[in-house]
Amino acid sequence: MSAASQEETGRIDFDLTDGVGTITVNRPEKLNACTREMLRVWTERLYECEGNPAVKAVVLTGAGKAFTAGFDLGEVPLERGTEAIRDHFRNTSLYWHSVISAIVRIDKPVLAAVNGPAVGGGIGLVLAADLAIASTEASFTPAWFSIGISIDTATSCHLVPYIGMRRATEWIYTNRTLSAAEALDWHLLNRVYPTGEYQKEIQRVARELAEGPTVLYGLAKSLFHRGRTETLETECEFEREGVLRSVTDPAFPPRLRMFLNKQKPSKSLSLDL
């Protein structure tokens, strides 16, 4: 792909530093709206993070002033009729859902670093991440109904558990834009930091996640997600299997010895919650 076409369609950047794999949606001139090709690459980046033992934690963020404006409306083939439009959304939604599924299934912590507006699918990404930290410049707009489509990006799975049925229904129906402070109050976010402190705090939290017990993070993550749908008996069995896996991990004996000796782990995540 030429430099000009990359500039036009955007790209998904990746950086690995100190165990933190940062995936950046890079199309700032379009508020990081994602083309189908960008979504395909995004999924591949997540799979690469999953399979790379050097990646201990993943950060999702956007270039420029936006997190992401969701999917690229310019790709919708309006002039080609209903069947073409339907085919486009059938395929594009599969790419979006592949990204969401990869975020949820990866057995490593995923941090959404919300640097600016999150619109439509951007909200789905924030909800799918394990943790979400925002700048005071962030905002959250559902947008789906305003362009005439139903909710997607697993919002039907994740939104109600975070904010409740009444609030979720009102928000989606009214399409109101939430400020970062409101999103924090609604439990969509873990923390909000002023613009001047935001990047430093993202780096700090990401680094502490990368230095933490990756296996235990992954086990807790999978159990939390399954716990919403499994029976009590099945989930207890999954928990038992998780315990057995964790105690056979090489990191277990030294951590237990530190606890018995009343020592703290070398690093412990501190969000000041």
C-alpha atoms as a PDB file:
ATOM      1  CA  MET A   1       0.000   0.000   0.000  1.00  0.00           C
ATOM      2  CA  SER A   2       1.360   3.431  -0.930  1.00  0.00           C
ATOM      3  CA  ALA A   3       1.956   6.187   1.619  1.00  0.00           C
ATOM      4  CA  ALA A   4      -0.902   8.161   0.071  1.00  0.00           C
ATOM      5  CA  SER A   5      -3.394   5.303   0.358  1.00  0.00           C
ATOM      6  CA  GLN A   6      -2.305   4.605   3.932  1.00  0.00           C
ATOM      7  CA  GLU A   7      -2.898   8.264   4.753  1.00  0.00           C
ATOM      8  CA  GLU A   8      -6.379   8.028   3.226  1.00  0.00           C
ATOM      9  CA  THR A   9      -7.516   4.748   4.791  1.00  0.00           C
ATOM     10  CA  GLY A  10      -5.661   4.901   8.094  1.00  0.00           C
ATOM     11  CA  ARG A  11      -3.619   2.278   9.851  1.00  0.00           C
ATOM     12  CA  ILE A  12      -3.298   0.355  13.105  1.00  0.00           C
ATOM     13  CA  ASP A  13       0.064   1.060  14.743  1.00  0.00           C
ATOM     14  CA  PHE A  14       1.785  -1.206  17.244  1.00  0.00           C
ATOM     15  CA  ASP A  15       4.562  -0.563  19.751  1.00  0.00           C
ATOM     16  CA  LEU A  16       6.067  -2.927  22.309  1.00  0.00           C
ATOM     17  CA  THR A  17       7.932  -1.301  25.207  1.00  0.00           C
ATOM     18  CA  ASP A  18       8.704  -2.821  28.609  1.00  0.00           C
ATOM     19  CA  GLY A  19       6.124  -5.584  28.169  1.00  0.00           C
ATOM     20  CA  VAL A  20       3.331  -3.200  27.132  1.00  0.00           C
ATOM     21  CA  GLY A  21       1.899  -3.702  23.656  1.00  0.00           C
ATOM     22  CA  THR A  22       0.212  -0.473  22.552  1.00  0.00           C
ATOM     23  CA  ILE A  23      -2.248  -0.651  19.662  1.00  0.00           C
ATOM     24  CA  THR A  24      -3.095   2.778  18.246  1.00  0.00           C
ATOM     25  CA  VAL A  25      -5.871   3.554  15.771  1.00  0.00           C
ATOM     26  CA  ASN A  26      -4.158   6.063  13.508  1.00  0.00           C
ATOM     27  CA  ARG A  27      -6.540   8.020  11.307  1.00  0.00           C
ATOM     28  CA  PRO A  28      -6.836  11.328  13.158  1.00  0.00           C
ATOM     29  CA  GLU A  29      -8.181  13.263  10.167  1.00  0.00           C
ATOM     30  CA  LYS A  30     -11.310  11.044  10.349  1.00  0.00           C
ATOM     31  CA  LEU A  31     -11.440  10.904  14.177  1.00  0.00           C
ATOM     32  CA  ASN A  32      -9.981   7.392  13.900  1.00  0.00           C
ATOM     33  CA  ALA A  33     -13.066   5.975  12.168  1.00  0.00           C
ATOM     34  CA  CYS A  34     -12.178   2.405  11.213  1.00  0.00           C
ATOM     35  CA  THR A  35     -12.350   0.942   7.741  1.00  0.00           C
ATOM     36  CA  ARG A  36     -12.954  -2.766   7.302  1.00  0.00           C
ATOM     37  CA  GLU A  37      -9.266  -3.237   6.490  1.00  0.00           C
ATOM     38  CA  MET A  38      -8.255  -1.435   9.688  1.00  0.00           C
ATOM     39  CA  LEU A  39     -10.499  -3.749  11.705  1.00  0.00           C
ATOM     40  CA  ARG A  40      -8.907  -6.783  10.070  1.00  0.00           C
ATOM     41  CA  VAL A  41      -5.421  -5.537  10.962  1.00  0.00           C
ATOM     42  CA  TRP A  42      -6.564  -4.641  14.481  1.00  0.00           C
ATOM     43  CA  THR A  43      -7.691  -8.238  15.035  1.00  0.00           C
ATOM     44  CA  GLU A  44      -4.339  -9.502  13.802  1.00  0.00           C
ATOM     45  CA  ARG A  45      -2.495  -7.159  16.156  1.00  0.00           C
ATOM     46  CA  LEU A  46      -4.489  -8.511  19.098  1.00  0.00           C
ATOM     47  CA  TYR A  47      -3.763 -12.104  18.082  1.00  0.00           C
ATOM     48  CA  GLU A  48      -0.065 -11.227  17.812  1.00  0.00           C
ATOM     49  CA  CYS A  49      -0.187  -9.798  21.333  1.00  0.00           C
ATOM     50  CA  GLU A  50      -1.884 -12.940  22.566  1.00  0.00           C
ATOM     51  CA  GLY A  51       0.769 -15.213  21.077  1.00  0.00           C
ATOM     52  CA  ASN A  52       3.812 -13.108  21.987  1.00  0.00           C
ATOM     53  CA  PRO A  53       5.139 -13.937  25.489  1.00  0.00           C
ATOM     54  CA  ALA A  54       6.973 -10.609  25.549  1.00  0.00           C
ATOM     55  CA  VAL A  55       3.604  -8.819  25.642  1.00  0.00           C
ATOM     56  CA  LYS A  56       2.387  -8.759  29.241  1.00  0.00           C
ATOM     57  CA  ALA A  57      -0.329  -6.096  28.913  1.00  0.00           C
ATOM     58  CA  VAL A  58      -2.155  -4.399  26.037  1.00  0.00           C
ATOM     59  CA  VAL A  59      -3.148  -0.737  25.676  1.00  0.00           C
ATOM     60  CA  LEU A  60      -5.776   0.418  23.161  1.00  0.00           C
ATOM     61  CA  THR A  61      -5.788   4.088  22.211  1.00  0.00           C
ATOM     62  CA  GLY A  62      -6.268   6.571  19.374  1.00  0.00           C
ATOM     63  CA  ALA A  63      -3.996   8.994  17.570  1.00  0.00           C
ATOM     64  CA  GLY A  64      -4.653  12.708  17.713  1.00  0.00           C
ATOM     65  CA  LYS A  65      -7.679  14.094  19.533  1.00  0.00           C
ATOM     66  CA  ALA A  66     -10.075  11.105  19.324  1.00  0.00           C
ATOM     67  CA  PHE A  67     -10.235   7.571  20.668  1.00  0.00           C
ATOM     68  CA  THR A  68     -12.341   6.304  17.747  1.00  0.00           C
ATOM     69  CA  ALA A  69     -15.507   7.379  15.969  1.00  0.00           C
ATOM     70  CA  GLY A  70     -16.476   3.766  15.321  1.00  0.00           C
ATOM     71  CA  PHE A  71     -16.809   2.484  11.779  1.00  0.00           C
ATOM     72  CA  ASP A  72     -16.159   4.466   8.616  1.00  0.00           C
ATOM     73  CA  LEU A  73     -19.512   5.740   7.317  1.00  0.00           C
ATOM     74  CA  GLY A  74     -17.881   6.580   4.004  1.00  0.00           C
ATOM     75  CA  GLU A  75     -17.573   2.879   3.183  1.00  0.00           C
ATOM     76  CA  VAL A  76     -21.346   2.303   3.268  1.00  0.00           C
ATOM     77  CA  PRO A  77     -22.459   1.694  -0.366  1.00  0.00           C
ATOM     78  CA  LEU A  78     -25.616   3.811  -0.211  1.00  0.00           C
ATOM     79  CA  GLU A  79     -25.866   4.191  -4.007  1.00  0.00           C
ATOM     80  CA  ARG A  80     -25.844   0.443  -4.646  1.00  0.00           C
ATOM     81  CA  GLY A  81     -29.114  -0.411  -2.951  1.00  0.00           C
ATOM     82  CA  THR A  82     -30.404  -2.378   0.029  1.00  0.00           C
ATOM     83  CA  GLU A  83     -28.719  -5.705  -0.703  1.00  0.00           C
ATOM     84  CA  ALA A  84     -25.282  -4.125  -1.057  1.00  0.00           C
ATOM     85  CA  ILE A  85     -25.784  -2.157   2.153  1.00  0.00           C
ATOM     86  CA  ARG A  86     -26.876  -5.308   3.977  1.00  0.00           C
ATOM     87  CA  ASP A  87     -23.856  -7.251   2.688  1.00  0.00           C
ATOM     88  CA  HIS A  88     -21.548  -4.453   3.758  1.00  0.00           C
ATOM     89  CA  PHE A  89     -22.857  -4.411   7.333  1.00  0.00           C
ATOM     90  CA  ARG A  90     -22.934  -8.201   7.539  1.00  0.00           C
ATOM     91  CA  ASN A  91     -19.231  -8.355   6.765  1.00  0.00           C
ATOM     92  CA  THR A  92     -18.149  -5.229   8.637  1.00  0.00           C
ATOM     93  CA  SER A  93     -19.934  -6.331  11.807  1.00  0.00           C
ATOM     94  CA  LEU A  94     -18.028  -9.619  11.692  1.00  0.00           C
ATOM     95  CA  TYR A  95     -14.744  -7.705  11.669  1.00  0.00           C
ATOM     96  CA  TRP A  96     -15.880  -5.498  14.558  1.00  0.00           C
ATOM     97  CA  HIS A  97     -16.980  -8.512  16.557  1.00  0.00           C
ATOM     98  CA  SER A  98     -13.656 -10.228  15.895  1.00  0.00           C
ATOM     99  CA  VAL A  99     -11.902  -7.267  17.512  1.00  0.00           C
ATOM    100  CA  ILE A 100     -14.248  -7.287  20.515  1.00  0.00           C
ATOM    101  CA  SER A 101     -13.939 -11.054  20.945  1.00  0.00           C
ATOM    102  CA  ALA A 102     -10.147 -10.888  20.786  1.00  0.00           C
ATOM    103  CA  ILE A 103     -10.101  -8.184  23.492  1.00  0.00           C
ATOM    104  CA  VAL A 104     -12.316 -10.251  25.765  1.00  0.00           C
ATOM    105  CA  ARG A 105     -10.635 -13.615  25.117  1.00  0.00           C
ATOM    106  CA  ILE A 106      -6.964 -12.599  25.273  1.00  0.00           C
ATOM    107  CA  ASP A 107      -5.564 -13.922  28.550  1.00  0.00           C
ATOM    108  CA  LYS A 108      -3.689 -10.700  29.285  1.00  0.00           C
ATOM    109  CA  PRO A 109      -4.936  -7.428  30.766  1.00  0.00           C
ATOM    110  CA  VAL A 110      -6.279  -4.903  28.257  1.00  0.00           C
ATOM    111  CA  LEU A 111      -6.391  -1.201  29.137  1.00  0.00           C
ATOM    112  CA  ALA A 112      -8.500   1.247  27.124  1.00  0.00           C
ATOM    113  CA  ALA A 113      -6.688   4.595  27.130  1.00  0.00           C
ATOM    114  CA  VAL A 114      -9.469   6.963  26.095  1.00  0.00           C
ATOM    115  CA  ASN A 115      -7.752  10.117  24.905  1.00  0.00           C
ATOM    116  CA  GLY A 116     -10.788  11.790  23.302  1.00  0.00           C
ATOM    117  CA  PRO A 117     -14.267  11.132  21.895  1.00  0.00           C
ATOM    118  CA  ALA A 118     -15.456   7.515  21.812  1.00  0.00           C
ATOM    119  CA  VAL A 119     -18.406   7.176  19.459  1.00  0.00           C
ATOM    120  CA  GLY A 120     -20.548   4.121  18.670  1.00  0.00           C
ATOM    121  CA  GLY A 121     -18.170   1.196  18.372  1.00  0.00           C
ATOM    122  CA  GLY A 122     -15.636   3.141  20.399  1.00  0.00           C
ATOM    123  CA  ILE A 123     -17.908   2.662  23.406  1.00  0.00           C
ATOM    124  CA  GLY A 124     -18.033  -1.060  22.675  1.00  0.00           C
ATOM    125  CA  LEU A 125     -14.242  -1.165  22.775  1.00  0.00           C
ATOM    126  CA  VAL A 126     -14.127   0.646  26.123  1.00  0.00           C
ATOM    127  CA  LEU A 127     -16.700  -1.735  27.592  1.00  0.00           C
ATOM    128  CA  ALA A 128     -14.824  -4.812  26.355  1.00  0.00           C
ATOM    129  CA  ALA A 129     -11.494  -3.744  27.879  1.00  0.00           C
ATOM    130  CA  ASP A 130     -10.534  -4.896  31.371  1.00  0.00           C
ATOM    131  CA  LEU A 131      -9.764  -1.381  32.575  1.00  0.00           C
ATOM    132  CA  ALA A 132     -10.530   2.048  31.139  1.00  0.00           C
ATOM    133  CA  ILE A 133      -8.762   5.296  31.948  1.00  0.00           C
ATOM    134  CA  ALA A 134      -9.689   8.560  30.261  1.00  0.00           C
ATOM    135  CA  SER A 135      -8.437  12.060  29.769  1.00  0.00           C
ATOM    136  CA  THR A 136     -10.732  14.894  30.763  1.00  0.00           C
ATOM    137  CA  GLU A 137     -10.957  15.508  26.992  1.00  0.00           C
ATOM    138  CA  ALA A 138     -12.791  12.188  26.483  1.00  0.00           C
ATOM    139  CA  SER A 139     -16.493  11.973  25.727  1.00  0.00           C
ATOM    140  CA  PHE A 140     -18.900   9.141  24.974  1.00  0.00           C
ATOM    141  CA  THR A 141     -21.704   9.238  22.382  1.00  0.00           C
ATOM    142  CA  PRO A 142     -23.751   6.130  21.455  1.00  0.00           C
ATOM    143  CA  ALA A 143     -24.573   7.484  17.953  1.00  0.00           C
ATOM    144  CA  TRP A 144     -26.125   4.269  16.630  1.00  0.00           C
ATOM    145  CA  PHE A 145     -29.718   5.492  16.578  1.00  0.00           C
ATOM    146  CA  SER A 146     -28.711   8.864  15.141  1.00  0.00           C
ATOM    147  CA  ILE A 147     -27.535   7.144  11.952  1.00  0.00           C
ATOM    148  CA  GLY A 148     -30.372   4.629  11.907  1.00  0.00           C
ATOM    149  CA  ILE A 149     -28.726   1.372  12.985  1.00  0.00           C
ATOM    150  CA  SER A 150     -29.084  -0.932  15.959  1.00  0.00           C
ATOM    151  CA  ILE A 151     -26.478  -1.194  18.714  1.00  0.00           C
ATOM    152  CA  ASP A 152     -23.491  -3.450  18.086  1.00  0.00           C
ATOM    153  CA  THR A 153     -19.892  -4.187  19.220  1.00  0.00           C
ATOM    154  CA  ALA A 154     -21.232  -6.379  22.066  1.00  0.00           C
ATOM    155  CA  THR A 155     -22.873  -3.387  23.758  1.00  0.00           C
ATOM    156  CA  SER A 156     -25.907  -5.579  24.425  1.00  0.00           C
ATOM    157  CA  CYS A 157     -23.654  -7.861  26.502  1.00  0.00           C
ATOM    158  CA  HIS A 158     -21.566  -5.314  28.361  1.00  0.00           C
ATOM    159  CA  LEU A 159     -23.461  -2.068  28.890  1.00  0.00           C
ATOM    160  CA  VAL A 160     -26.242  -3.148  31.279  1.00  0.00           C
ATOM    161  CA  PRO A 161     -23.888  -4.920  33.741  1.00  0.00           C
ATOM    162  CA  TYR A 162     -21.891  -1.692  34.030  1.00  0.00           C
ATOM    163  CA  ILE A 163     -24.629   0.937  34.323  1.00  0.00           C
ATOM    164  CA  GLY A 164     -27.967  -0.863  34.807  1.00  0.00           C
ATOM    165  CA  MET A 165     -30.982  -1.421  32.581  1.00  0.00           C
ATOM    166  CA  ARG A 166     -32.791   1.889  33.141  1.00  0.00           C
ATOM    167  CA  ARG A 167     -29.731   4.066  32.605  1.00  0.00           C
ATOM    168  CA  ALA A 168     -28.551   2.029  29.606  1.00  0.00           C
ATOM    169  CA  THR A 169     -31.949   2.257  27.929  1.00  0.00           C
ATOM    170  CA  GLU A 170     -32.219   5.999  28.475  1.00  0.00           C
ATOM    171  CA  TRP A 171     -28.694   6.623  27.222  1.00  0.00           C
ATOM    172  CA  ILE A 172     -29.113   4.609  24.027  1.00  0.00           C
ATOM    173  CA  TYR A 173     -32.571   6.066  23.330  1.00  0.00           C
ATOM    174  CA  THR A 174     -31.559   9.707  23.887  1.00  0.00           C
ATOM    175  CA  ASN A 175     -28.067   9.460  22.346  1.00  0.00           C
ATOM    176  CA  ARG A 176     -26.739  11.895  24.947  1.00  0.00           C
ATOM    177  CA  THR A 177     -23.018  12.634  24.976  1.00  0.00           C
ATOM    178  CA  LEU A 178     -21.412  11.868  28.337  1.00  0.00           C
ATOM    179  CA  SER A 179     -18.423  13.792  29.609  1.00  0.00           C
ATOM    180  CA  ALA A 180     -15.497  11.897  31.080  1.00  0.00           C
ATOM    181  CA  ALA A 181     -16.676  12.854  34.585  1.00  0.00           C
ATOM    182  CA  GLU A 182     -20.170  11.488  33.906  1.00  0.00           C
ATOM    183  CA  ALA A 183     -18.740   8.284  32.423  1.00  0.00           C
ATOM    184  CA  LEU A 184     -16.684   7.824  35.582  1.00  0.00           C
ATOM    185  CA  ASP A 185     -19.763   8.366  37.732  1.00  0.00           C
ATOM    186  CA  TRP A 186     -21.639   5.788  35.641  1.00  0.00           C
ATOM    187  CA  HIS A 187     -18.823   3.227  36.131  1.00  0.00           C
ATOM    188  CA  LEU A 188     -17.821   3.151  32.476  1.00  0.00           C
ATOM    189  CA  LEU A 189     -14.316   4.209  33.539  1.00  0.00           C
ATOM    190  CA  ASN A 190     -11.861   3.385  36.313  1.00  0.00           C
ATOM    191  CA  ARG A 191     -10.210   6.793  36.466  1.00  0.00           C
ATOM    192  CA  VAL A 192     -10.127  10.186  34.743  1.00  0.00           C
ATOM    193  CA  TYR A 193      -6.995  12.335  34.679  1.00  0.00           C
ATOM    194  CA  PRO A 194      -6.419  15.929  33.546  1.00  0.00           C
ATOM    195  CA  THR A 195      -4.878  16.220  30.111  1.00  0.00           C
ATOM    196  CA  GLY A 196      -1.488  17.155  31.522  1.00  0.00           C
ATOM    197  CA  GLU A 197      -1.333  14.033  33.711  1.00  0.00           C
ATOM    198  CA  TYR A 198      -3.126  11.555  31.476  1.00  0.00           C
ATOM    199  CA  GLN A 199      -0.199  10.157  29.443  1.00  0.00           C
ATOM    200  CA  LYS A 200       1.996   9.728  32.515  1.00  0.00           C
ATOM    201  CA  GLU A 201      -0.765   7.844  34.354  1.00  0.00           C
ATOM    202  CA  ILE A 202      -1.514   5.609  31.358  1.00  0.00           C
ATOM    203  CA  GLN A 203       2.151   4.654  31.181  1.00  0.00           C
ATOM    204  CA  ARG A 204       2.293   4.018  34.909  1.00  0.00           C
ATOM    205  CA  VAL A 205      -0.760   1.769  35.027  1.00  0.00           C
ATOM    206  CA  ALA A 206       0.210  -0.105  31.851  1.00  0.00           C
ATOM    207  CA  ARG A 207       3.707  -0.731  33.191  1.00  0.00           C
ATOM    208  CA  GLU A 208       2.345  -2.010  36.504  1.00  0.00           C
ATOM    209  CA  LEU A 209      -0.048  -4.315  34.667  1.00  0.00           C
ATOM    210  CA  ALA A 210       2.853  -5.656  32.585  1.00  0.00           C
ATOM    211  CA  GLU A 211       4.891  -6.301  35.736  1.00  0.00           C
ATOM    212  CA  GLY A 212       2.015  -8.058  37.502  1.00  0.00           C
ATOM    213  CA  PRO A 213       0.910 -11.729  37.547  1.00  0.00           C
ATOM    214  CA  THR A 214      -0.207 -12.132  33.914  1.00  0.00           C
ATOM    215  CA  VAL A 215      -1.540 -15.659  34.382  1.00  0.00           C
ATOM    216  CA  LEU A 216      -3.700 -14.622  37.338  1.00  0.00           C
ATOM    217  CA  TYR A 217      -5.047 -11.609  35.447  1.00  0.00           C
ATOM    218  CA  GLY A 218      -6.006 -13.854  32.550  1.00  0.00           C
ATOM    219  CA  LEU A 219      -7.723 -16.390  34.789  1.00  0.00           C
ATOM    220  CA  ALA A 220      -9.750 -13.757  36.637  1.00  0.00           C
ATOM    221  CA  LYS A 221     -10.728 -12.156  33.350  1.00  0.00           C
ATOM    222  CA  SER A 222     -12.067 -15.366  31.813  1.00  0.00           C
ATOM    223  CA  LEU A 223     -13.921 -16.297  34.999  1.00  0.00           C
ATOM    224  CA  PHE A 224     -15.596 -12.895  35.251  1.00  0.00           C
ATOM    225  CA  HIS A 225     -16.846 -13.085  31.666  1.00  0.00           C
ATOM    226  CA  ARG A 226     -18.067 -16.673  31.957  1.00  0.00           C
ATOM    227  CA  GLY A 227     -19.621 -16.012  35.347  1.00  0.00           C
ATOM    228  CA  ARG A 228     -22.371 -13.900  33.776  1.00  0.00           C
ATOM    229  CA  THR A 229     -23.747 -16.809  31.770  1.00  0.00           C
ATOM    230  CA  GLU A 230     -22.710 -20.093  33.407  1.00  0.00           C
ATOM    231  CA  THR A 231     -24.514 -21.941  36.171  1.00  0.00           C
ATOM    232  CA  LEU A 232     -23.100 -21.770  39.685  1.00  0.00           C
ATOM    233  CA  GLU A 233     -21.872 -25.358  39.509  1.00  0.00           C
ATOM    234  CA  THR A 234     -20.173 -24.914  36.154  1.00  0.00           C
ATOM    235  CA  GLU A 235     -18.528 -21.660  37.180  1.00  0.00           C
ATOM    236  CA  CYS A 236     -17.248 -23.199  40.409  1.00  0.00           C
ATOM    237  CA  GLU A 237     -15.653 -25.954  38.336  1.00  0.00           C
ATOM    238  CA  PHE A 238     -14.015 -23.354  36.086  1.00  0.00           C
ATOM    239  CA  GLU A 239     -12.741 -21.615  39.224  1.00  0.00           C
ATOM    240  CA  ARG A 240     -11.292 -24.875  40.513  1.00  0.00           C
ATOM    241  CA  GLU A 241      -9.497 -25.428  37.216  1.00  0.00           C
ATOM    242  CA  GLY A 242      -8.173 -21.879  37.428  1.00  0.00           C
ATOM    243  CA  VAL A 243      -6.777 -22.467  40.890  1.00  0.00           C
ATOM    244  CA  LEU A 244      -5.020 -25.623  39.720  1.00  0.00           C
ATOM    245  CA  ARG A 245      -3.539 -23.822  36.738  1.00  0.00           C
ATOM    246  CA  SER A 246      -2.331 -20.903  38.843  1.00  0.00           C
ATOM    247  CA  VAL A 247      -0.621 -23.008  41.501  1.00  0.00           C
ATOM    248  CA  THR A 248       1.325 -24.926  38.856  1.00  0.00           C
ATOM    249  CA  ASP A 249       2.604 -21.696  37.296  1.00  0.00           C
ATOM    250  CA  PRO A 250       6.294 -20.958  38.076  1.00  0.00           C
ATOM    251  CA  ALA A 251       5.307 -17.612  39.569  1.00  0.00           C
ATOM    252  CA  PHE A 252       3.263 -19.211  42.339  1.00  0.00           C
ATOM    253  CA  PRO A 253       5.946 -20.505  44.794  1.00  0.00           C
ATOM    254  CA  PRO A 254       7.887 -17.230  45.047  1.00  0.00           C
ATOM    255  CA  ARG A 255       4.709 -15.172  45.458  1.00  0.00           C
ATOM    256  CA  LEU A 256       3.473 -17.470  48.229  1.00  0.00           C
ATOM    257  CA  ARG A 257       6.850 -17.319  49.966  1.00  0.00           C
ATOM    258  CA  MET A 258       6.744 -13.520  49.828  1.00  0.00           C
ATOM    259  CA  PHE A 259       3.281 -13.553  51.373  1.00  0.00           C
ATOM    260  CA  LEU A 260       4.306 -15.968  54.119  1.00  0.00           C
ATOM    261  CA  ASN A 261       7.332 -13.789  54.844  1.00  0.00           C
ATOM    262  CA  LYS A 262       5.042 -10.735  54.987  1.00  0.00           C
ATOM    263  CA  GLN A 263       6.680  -9.181  51.956  1.00  0.00           C
ATOM    264  CA  LYS A 264       4.806  -7.322  49.246  1.00  0.00           C
ATOM    265  CA  PRO A 265       5.158  -8.257  45.557  1.00  0.00           C
ATOM    266  CA  SER A 266       7.708  -6.136  43.747  1.00  0.00           C
ATOM    267  CA  LYS A 267       4.887  -4.343  41.940  1.00  0.00           C
ATOM    268  CA  SER A 268       1.210  -4.048  42.752  1.00  0.00           C
ATOM    269  CA  LEU A 269      -1.324  -2.210  40.653  1.00  0.00           C
ATOM    270  CA  SER A 270      -2.352   1.083  42.202  1.00  0.00           C
ATOM    271  CA  LEU A 271      -5.245   2.985  40.646  1.00  0.00           C
ATOM    272  CA  ASP A 272      -5.938   4.949  43.807  1.00  0.00           C
ATOM    273  CA  LEU A 273      -9.498   3.655  43.777  1.00  0.00           C
END
